[in-house]
Amino acid sequence: METASLSSTILDTSGIERIANSKHISEEQKLGEASARFESLLVRQFLKDSLKPVFKGFLEESGSRQEIYRYLLTDVLADKIGRSGAMGISHLLQAQLSPQQKIESK
């Protein structure tokens, strides 16, 4: 099973629990999914403020349609950037959290 296809949304907590409790997914895949979601979450926080100037004009207006559009745009961008590993946070987390390989001495 591919890590990228394990969930459809980042904030789907039932999906996180399902992945964590699955016996069909390796620990490496679980760690990869968790770290990718964490990177996406951080990217979302950055985008939330940095996209405000982009939303000026018709998206700046209040209303449920504009709010939904702003949320979905930010969510999709954050998910794609986070899962691409562009910031490298996911890779660093995986390296730090994965079990250390024992070094055999000669």
Foldseek 3Di string as FASTA:
>chain_A
DALLPQDDFLPPVVSLVCLVPDPVDDPLSNLLNVLLSVQLVVQLVVCVVVCVVVCPDPLVDDDDVSVVVSVVVSRVVSNVCSNVCVVVRSVVSSVVPPDDDDDDDD
